């Protein structure tokens, strides 16, 4: 049988935790609120810009990224994505360091092709920004 020893008065192991303050000081909230408000304002301004198609290319990129995320989400579990991101976070810099010349060459070619495609798409789509410049 297991013998249980009776706790002595004043030997509560959670006494230190119970005595800790758990409130956030008002000064901390006051100091952080401009930063939080700025971040919220930047986010809402960017979302309005994307949804109201102020820049066609950015809006298309945003829409395609959301569409792509639906497929990635259907293929992978969130924990799997976090694990893959964690591995990539540490593996990518080392791989880039070892293969910098080849990666830079391929990325240069890809960026050139993307710019060509972007210019062709912009030429096909009437854009508000182009009309303002003329």
C-alpha atoms as a PDB file:
ATOM      1  CA  UNK A   1       0.000   0.000   0.000  1.00  0.00           C
ATOM      2  CA  UNK A   2       1.076   3.530  -0.613  1.00  0.00           C
ATOM      3  CA  UNK A   3       1.576   5.689   2.412  1.00  0.00           C
ATOM      4  CA  UNK A   4       0.593   9.321   2.026  1.00  0.00           C
ATOM      5  CA  UNK A   5       2.394  11.817   4.176  1.00  0.00           C
ATOM      6  CA  UNK A   6       0.225  14.616   5.476  1.00  0.00           C
ATOM      7  CA  UNK A   7       1.370  18.035   4.290  1.00  0.00           C
ATOM      8  CA  UNK A   8       2.814  20.296   6.902  1.00  0.00           C
ATOM      9  CA  UNK A   9       1.202  23.711   7.364  1.00  0.00           C
ATOM     10  CA  UNK A  10       2.919  26.387   5.249  1.00  0.00           C
ATOM     11  CA  UNK A  11       4.464  23.888   2.822  1.00  0.00           C
ATOM     12  CA  UNK A  12       2.024  24.510  -0.034  1.00  0.00           C
ATOM     13  CA  UNK A  13       3.999  24.018  -3.285  1.00  0.00           C
ATOM     14  CA  UNK A  14       1.641  26.332  -5.165  1.00  0.00           C
ATOM     15  CA  UNK A  15       1.919  29.202  -2.682  1.00  0.00           C
ATOM     16  CA  UNK A  16       4.543  30.969  -4.816  1.00  0.00           C
ATOM     17  CA  UNK A  17       2.375  30.662  -7.925  1.00  0.00           C
ATOM     18  CA  UNK A  18      -0.705  31.894  -6.065  1.00  0.00           C
ATOM     19  CA  UNK A  19       1.204  34.949  -4.833  1.00  0.00           C
ATOM     20  CA  UNK A  20       2.409  35.992  -8.309  1.00  0.00           C
ATOM     21  CA  UNK A  21       0.656  38.987  -9.893  1.00  0.00           C
ATOM     22  CA  UNK A  22      -1.235  38.039 -13.056  1.00  0.00           C
ATOM     23  CA  UNK A  23      -2.429  41.463 -14.155  1.00  0.00           C
ATOM     24  CA  UNK A  24      -0.938  43.514 -16.982  1.00  0.00           C
ATOM     25  CA  UNK A  25       0.131  47.000 -15.883  1.00  0.00           C
ATOM     26  CA  UNK A  26      -1.801  49.870 -17.453  1.00  0.00           C
ATOM     27  CA  UNK A  27       1.451  51.537 -18.565  1.00  0.00           C
ATOM     28  CA  UNK A  28       2.372  48.474 -20.621  1.00  0.00           C
ATOM     29  CA  UNK A  29      -0.942  48.567 -22.463  1.00  0.00           C
ATOM     30  CA  UNK A  30      -0.651  52.325 -22.962  1.00  0.00           C
ATOM     31  CA  UNK A  31       2.861  51.951 -24.384  1.00  0.00           C
ATOM     32  CA  UNK A  32       1.910  49.087 -26.702  1.00  0.00           C
ATOM     33  CA  UNK A  33      -1.364  50.482 -28.038  1.00  0.00           C
ATOM     34  CA  UNK A  34       0.147  52.841 -30.679  1.00  0.00           C
ATOM     35  CA  UNK A  35       2.175  49.942 -32.115  1.00  0.00           C
ATOM     36  CA  UNK A  36      -0.837  47.626 -32.178  1.00  0.00           C
ATOM     37  CA  UNK A  37      -3.051  50.333 -33.678  1.00  0.00           C
ATOM     38  CA  UNK A  38      -0.446  51.033 -36.360  1.00  0.00           C
ATOM     39  CA  UNK A  39      -0.235  47.356 -37.277  1.00  0.00           C
ATOM     40  CA  UNK A  40      -4.036  47.056 -37.467  1.00  0.00           C
ATOM     41  CA  UNK A  41      -4.286  50.202 -39.601  1.00  0.00           C
ATOM     42  CA  UNK A  42      -1.583  48.973 -41.993  1.00  0.00           C
ATOM     43  CA  UNK A  43      -3.297  45.597 -42.299  1.00  0.00           C
ATOM     44  CA  UNK A  44      -6.746  47.061 -43.001  1.00  0.00           C
ATOM     45  CA  UNK A  45      -5.323  49.556 -45.518  1.00  0.00           C
ATOM     46  CA  UNK A  46      -3.499  46.775 -47.373  1.00  0.00           C
ATOM     47  CA  UNK A  47      -6.601  44.537 -47.394  1.00  0.00           C
ATOM     48  CA  UNK A  48      -8.725  47.392 -48.765  1.00  0.00           C
ATOM     49  CA  UNK A  49      -6.109  48.008 -51.475  1.00  0.00           C
ATOM     50  CA  UNK A  50      -6.097  44.328 -52.440  1.00  0.00           C
ATOM     51  CA  UNK A  51      -9.874  43.856 -52.408  1.00  0.00           C
ATOM     52  CA  UNK A  52     -10.649  47.079 -54.285  1.00  0.00           C
ATOM     53  CA  UNK A  53      -8.145  46.207 -57.047  1.00  0.00           C
ATOM     54  CA  UNK A  54      -6.048  49.348 -56.736  1.00  0.00           C
ATOM     55  CA  UNK A  55      -3.154  47.371 -58.256  1.00  0.00           C
ATOM     56  CA  UNK A  56      -4.258  44.571 -60.555  1.00  0.00           C
ATOM     57  CA  UNK A  57      -1.046  42.536 -60.274  1.00  0.00           C
ATOM     58  CA  UNK A  58      -1.032  42.593 -56.465  1.00  0.00           C
ATOM     59  CA  UNK A  59      -4.710  41.636 -56.343  1.00  0.00           C
ATOM     60  CA  UNK A  60      -4.155  38.720 -58.730  1.00  0.00           C
ATOM     61  CA  UNK A  61      -1.149  37.567 -56.669  1.00  0.00           C
ATOM     62  CA  UNK A  62      -3.254  37.775 -53.500  1.00  0.00           C
ATOM     63  CA  UNK A  63      -6.114  35.813 -55.064  1.00  0.00           C
ATOM     64  CA  UNK A  64      -3.810  33.143 -56.466  1.00  0.00           C
ATOM     65  CA  UNK A  65      -2.020  32.785 -53.128  1.00  0.00           C
ATOM     66  CA  UNK A  66      -5.378  32.274 -51.358  1.00  0.00           C
ATOM     67  CA  UNK A  67      -6.387  29.732 -53.986  1.00  0.00           C
ATOM     68  CA  UNK A  68      -3.045  27.930 -53.597  1.00  0.00           C
ATOM     69  CA  UNK A  69      -3.405  27.930 -49.804  1.00  0.00           C
ATOM     70  CA  UNK A  70      -6.718  26.069 -50.104  1.00  0.00           C
ATOM     71  CA  UNK A  71      -4.962  23.243 -51.932  1.00  0.00           C
ATOM     72  CA  UNK A  72      -1.973  23.205 -49.580  1.00  0.00           C
ATOM     73  CA  UNK A  73      -4.403  23.114 -46.650  1.00  0.00           C
ATOM     74  CA  UNK A  74      -6.289  20.195 -48.162  1.00  0.00           C
ATOM     75  CA  UNK A  75      -3.083  18.212 -48.741  1.00  0.00           C
ATOM     76  CA  UNK A  76      -1.314  18.807 -45.430  1.00  0.00           C
ATOM     77  CA  UNK A  77      -2.104  18.934 -41.742  1.00  0.00           C
ATOM     78  CA  UNK A  78      -1.174  22.227 -40.011  1.00  0.00           C
ATOM     79  CA  UNK A  79       1.329  20.452 -37.784  1.00  0.00           C
ATOM     80  CA  UNK A  80       2.977  18.950 -40.865  1.00  0.00           C
ATOM     81  CA  UNK A  81       3.261  22.411 -42.417  1.00  0.00           C
ATOM     82  CA  UNK A  82       4.821  23.768 -39.220  1.00  0.00           C
ATOM     83  CA  UNK A  83       7.355  20.932 -39.137  1.00  0.00           C
ATOM     84  CA  UNK A  84       8.237  21.443 -42.809  1.00  0.00           C
ATOM     85  CA  UNK A  85       8.567  25.204 -42.258  1.00  0.00           C
ATOM     86  CA  UNK A  86      10.815  24.601 -39.237  1.00  0.00           C
ATOM     87  CA  UNK A  87      13.054  22.266 -41.252  1.00  0.00           C
ATOM     88  CA  UNK A  88      13.110  24.690 -44.171  1.00  0.00           C
ATOM     89  CA  UNK A  89      13.960  27.594 -41.893  1.00  0.00           C
ATOM     90  CA  UNK A  90      17.249  25.956 -40.958  1.00  0.00           C
ATOM     91  CA  UNK A  91      18.022  23.965 -44.128  1.00  0.00           C
ATOM     92  CA  UNK A  92      17.450  26.692 -46.730  1.00  0.00           C
ATOM     93  CA  UNK A  93      20.286  29.060 -45.679  1.00  0.00           C
ATOM     94  CA  UNK A  94      22.826  26.207 -45.650  1.00  0.00           C
ATOM     95  CA  UNK A  95      21.681  24.908 -49.043  1.00  0.00           C
ATOM     96  CA  UNK A  96      21.809  28.432 -50.472  1.00  0.00           C
ATOM     97  CA  UNK A  97      25.283  28.943 -49.055  1.00  0.00           C
ATOM     98  CA  UNK A  98      26.534  25.725 -50.663  1.00  0.00           C
ATOM     99  CA  UNK A  99      24.894  26.367 -54.074  1.00  0.00           C
ATOM    100  CA  UNK A 100      24.807  30.169 -54.246  1.00  0.00           C
ATOM    101  CA  UNK A 101      26.023  30.555 -57.856  1.00  0.00           C
ATOM    102  CA  UNK A 102      23.513  28.073 -59.317  1.00  0.00           C
ATOM    103  CA  UNK A 103      20.622  29.393 -57.225  1.00  0.00           C
ATOM    104  CA  UNK A 104      21.344  33.015 -58.185  1.00  0.00           C
ATOM    105  CA  UNK A 105      21.493  32.079 -61.872  1.00  0.00           C
ATOM    106  CA  UNK A 106      18.185  30.177 -61.785  1.00  0.00           C
ATOM    107  CA  UNK A 107      16.463  32.873 -59.705  1.00  0.00           C
ATOM    108  CA  UNK A 108      17.646  35.517 -62.179  1.00  0.00           C
ATOM    109  CA  UNK A 109      16.109  33.566 -65.067  1.00  0.00           C
ATOM    110  CA  UNK A 110      12.856  33.012 -63.159  1.00  0.00           C
ATOM    111  CA  UNK A 111      12.595  36.697 -62.216  1.00  0.00           C
ATOM    112  CA  UNK A 112      13.173  37.717 -65.853  1.00  0.00           C
ATOM    113  CA  UNK A 113      10.422  35.374 -67.027  1.00  0.00           C
ATOM    114  CA  UNK A 114       8.064  36.595 -64.289  1.00  0.00           C
ATOM    115  CA  UNK A 115       8.654  40.220 -65.305  1.00  0.00           C
ATOM    116  CA  UNK A 116       7.925  39.343 -68.951  1.00  0.00           C
ATOM    117  CA  UNK A 117       4.681  37.579 -68.000  1.00  0.00           C
ATOM    118  CA  UNK A 118       3.714  40.454 -65.698  1.00  0.00           C
ATOM    119  CA  UNK A 119       4.305  43.003 -68.475  1.00  0.00           C
ATOM    120  CA  UNK A 120       2.225  40.939 -70.935  1.00  0.00           C
ATOM    121  CA  UNK A 121      -0.640  40.605 -68.436  1.00  0.00           C
ATOM    122  CA  UNK A 122      -0.552  44.320 -67.636  1.00  0.00           C
ATOM    123  CA  UNK A 123      -0.653  45.128 -71.349  1.00  0.00           C
ATOM    124  CA  UNK A 124      -3.860  43.066 -71.681  1.00  0.00           C
ATOM    125  CA  UNK A 125      -5.637  44.508 -68.639  1.00  0.00           C
ATOM    126  CA  UNK A 126      -6.812  48.112 -68.554  1.00  0.00           C
ATOM    127  CA  UNK A 127      -5.227  49.459 -65.406  1.00  0.00           C
ATOM    128  CA  UNK A 128      -6.244  52.573 -63.459  1.00  0.00           C
ATOM    129  CA  UNK A 129      -2.620  53.438 -62.699  1.00  0.00           C
ATOM    130  CA  UNK A 130      -1.680  53.440 -66.416  1.00  0.00           C
ATOM    131  CA  UNK A 131      -4.554  55.816 -67.215  1.00  0.00           C
ATOM    132  CA  UNK A 132      -3.454  58.231 -64.482  1.00  0.00           C
ATOM    133  CA  UNK A 133       0.061  58.459 -65.936  1.00  0.00           C
ATOM    134  CA  UNK A 134      -1.099  59.302 -69.474  1.00  0.00           C
END
